[in-house]
C-alpha atoms as a PDB file:
ATOM      1  CA  MET A   1       0.079  -0.072  -0.011  1.00  0.00           C
ATOM      2  CA  ASN A   2       1.335   3.494  -0.743  1.00  0.00           C
ATOM      3  CA  ALA A   3       2.618   5.134   2.607  1.00  0.00           C
ATOM      4  CA  PHE A   4       1.756   8.831   1.755  1.00  0.00           C
ATOM      5  CA  ARG A   5      -0.060  10.446   4.532  1.00  0.00           C
ATOM      6  CA  PHE A   6      -1.935  13.546   4.323  1.00  0.00           C
ATOM      7  CA  ALA A   7      -0.209  15.709   7.167  1.00  0.00           C
ATOM      8  CA  ALA A   8      -3.359  18.112   8.002  1.00  0.00           C
ATOM      9  CA  TYR A   9      -5.669  15.046   8.610  1.00  0.00           C
ATOM     10  CA  PRO A  10      -5.769  12.343  11.022  1.00  0.00           C
ATOM     11  CA  SER A  11      -6.124   9.600   8.601  1.00  0.00           C
ATOM     12  CA  ASN A  12      -6.483   8.579   5.018  1.00  0.00           C
ATOM     13  CA  ASP A  13     -10.005   7.229   5.597  1.00  0.00           C
ATOM     14  CA  LEU A  14     -11.090  10.901   6.417  1.00  0.00           C
ATOM     15  CA  VAL A  15      -9.660  11.955   3.200  1.00  0.00           C
ATOM     16  CA  ALA A  16     -11.337   9.157   1.014  1.00  0.00           C
ATOM     17  CA  ALA A  17     -14.603   9.912   2.561  1.00  0.00           C
ATOM     18  CA  GLY A  18     -14.383  13.520   2.156  1.00  0.00           C
ATOM     19  CA  VAL A  19     -13.839  12.915  -1.672  1.00  0.00           C
ATOM     20  CA  THR A  20     -16.611  10.586  -1.681  1.00  0.00           C
ATOM     21  CA  VAL A  21     -18.863  12.939  -0.465  1.00  0.00           C
ATOM     22  CA  LEU A  22     -17.786  15.751  -2.639  1.00  0.00           C
ATOM     23  CA  VAL A  23     -18.211  13.390  -5.768  1.00  0.00           C
ATOM     24  CA  SER A  24     -21.526  12.297  -4.515  1.00  0.00           C
ATOM     25  CA  ALA A  25     -22.635  15.785  -4.045  1.00  0.00           C
ATOM     26  CA  TRP A  26     -21.526  16.982  -7.612  1.00  0.00           C
ATOM     27  CA  PHE A  27     -23.689  13.886  -9.328  1.00  0.00           C
ATOM     28  CA  LEU A  28     -26.605  15.028  -7.216  1.00  0.00           C
ATOM     29  CA  VAL A  29     -26.539  18.491  -8.526  1.00  0.00           C
ATOM     30  CA  ALA A  30     -25.562  16.971 -12.137  1.00  0.00           C
ATOM     31  CA  ALA A  31     -28.869  14.980 -12.029  1.00  0.00           C
ATOM     32  CA  GLY A  32     -30.860  17.650 -10.479  1.00  0.00           C
ATOM     33  CA  ALA A  33     -29.955  19.978 -13.335  1.00  0.00           C
ATOM     34  CA  ILE A  34     -30.563  17.516 -15.900  1.00  0.00           C
ATOM     35  CA  LEU A  35     -34.076  16.520 -14.517  1.00  0.00           C
ATOM     36  CA  GLY A  36     -34.847  20.300 -14.214  1.00  0.00           C
ATOM     37  CA  ASP A  37     -33.877  21.022 -17.782  1.00  0.00           C
ATOM     38  CA  PRO A  38     -36.734  21.720 -20.187  1.00  0.00           C
ATOM     39  CA  ALA A  39     -37.094  19.677 -23.208  1.00  0.00           C
ATOM     40  CA  SER A  40     -35.606  21.081 -26.169  1.00  0.00           C
ATOM     41  CA  PRO A  41     -37.979  21.747 -29.098  1.00  0.00           C
ATOM     42  CA  TYR A  42     -35.252  20.445 -31.464  1.00  0.00           C
ATOM     43  CA  THR A  43     -35.533  16.959 -30.080  1.00  0.00           C
ATOM     44  CA  GLN A  44     -39.303  17.002 -29.926  1.00  0.00           C
ATOM     45  CA  ARG A  45     -41.035  14.789 -32.384  1.00  0.00           C
ATOM     46  CA  VAL A  46     -44.483  16.071 -33.848  1.00  0.00           C
ATOM     47  CA  VAL A  47     -47.234  13.302 -33.713  1.00  0.00           C
ATOM     48  CA  GLN A  48     -50.112  13.929 -35.931  1.00  0.00           C
ATOM     49  CA  ALA A  49     -53.379  12.408 -34.748  1.00  0.00           C
ATOM     50  CA  ASN A  50     -54.929   9.818 -36.707  1.00  0.00           C
ATOM     51  CA  THR A  51     -58.595  10.913 -37.793  1.00  0.00           C
ATOM     52  CA  GLU A  52     -59.566   7.936 -39.619  1.00  0.00           C
ATOM     53  CA  GLN A  53     -62.307   5.833 -38.177  1.00  0.00           C
ATOM     54  CA  VAL A  54     -61.310   2.208 -37.765  1.00  0.00           C
ATOM     55  CA  ALA A  55     -63.863  -0.402 -37.087  1.00  0.00           C
ATOM     56  CA  MET A  56     -62.973  -3.413 -34.980  1.00  0.00           C
ATOM     57  CA  VAL A  57     -64.271  -6.793 -35.774  1.00  0.00           C
ATOM     58  CA  GLU A  58     -64.247  -9.551 -32.982  1.00  0.00           C
ATOM     59  CA  LEU A  59     -63.616 -12.778 -34.470  1.00  0.00           C
ATOM     60  CA  PRO A  60     -65.107 -15.911 -32.512  1.00  0.00           C
ATOM     61  CA  ALA A  61     -62.546 -17.609 -30.168  1.00  0.00           C
ATOM     62  CA  ARG A  62     -61.440 -20.857 -31.309  1.00  0.00           C
ATOM     63  CA  SER A  63     -60.628 -23.576 -28.748  1.00  0.00           C
ATOM     64  CA  THR A  64     -58.259 -25.593 -31.048  1.00  0.00           C
ATOM     65  CA  PRO A  65     -55.829 -24.202 -33.455  1.00  0.00           C
ATOM     66  CA  HIS A  66     -56.763 -24.679 -37.199  1.00  0.00           C
ATOM     67  CA  VAL A  67     -53.015 -25.458 -38.219  1.00  0.00           C
ATOM     68  CA  HIS A  68     -51.263 -28.083 -36.887  1.00  0.00           C
ATOM     69  CA  TYR A  69     -47.080 -28.217 -37.401  1.00  0.00           C
ATOM     70  CA  THR A  70     -45.035 -31.223 -36.685  1.00  0.00           C
ATOM     71  CA  VAL A  71     -41.283 -30.338 -36.144  1.00  0.00           C
ATOM     72  CA  ARG A  72     -38.907 -33.053 -36.986  1.00  0.00           C
ATOM     73  CA  VAL A  73     -35.064 -32.668 -35.655  1.00  0.00           C
ATOM     74  CA  MET A  74     -32.907 -35.037 -37.360  1.00  0.00           C
ATOM     75  CA  GLY A  75     -29.162 -35.141 -36.426  1.00  0.00           C
ATOM     76  CA  LYS A  76     -26.401 -37.486 -35.800  1.00  0.00           C
ATOM     77  CA  ARG A  77     -25.097 -38.624 -32.479  1.00  0.00           C
ATOM     78  CA  THR A  78     -21.322 -38.741 -32.092  1.00  0.00           C
ATOM     79  CA  THR A  79     -19.603 -41.008 -29.387  1.00  0.00           C
ATOM     80  CA  GLY A  80     -16.976 -39.174 -27.613  1.00  0.00           C
END
């Protein structure tokens, strides 16, 4: 481990904790600035409402599928 010590502080743990608190506070402020920033008009996509009327038809429910598929897997076994 590095033998360097900060003379003004009682331990290196205090310096590490201080740096951690400073960095955490910086990221908290940056996150607040990002969330509080208004949306840019250049990145907004204009969505036009569809005015056509679409008729919905409900099909009767089937209890069994009308198509049956059989899947065959063919391969060769190797002894090893």
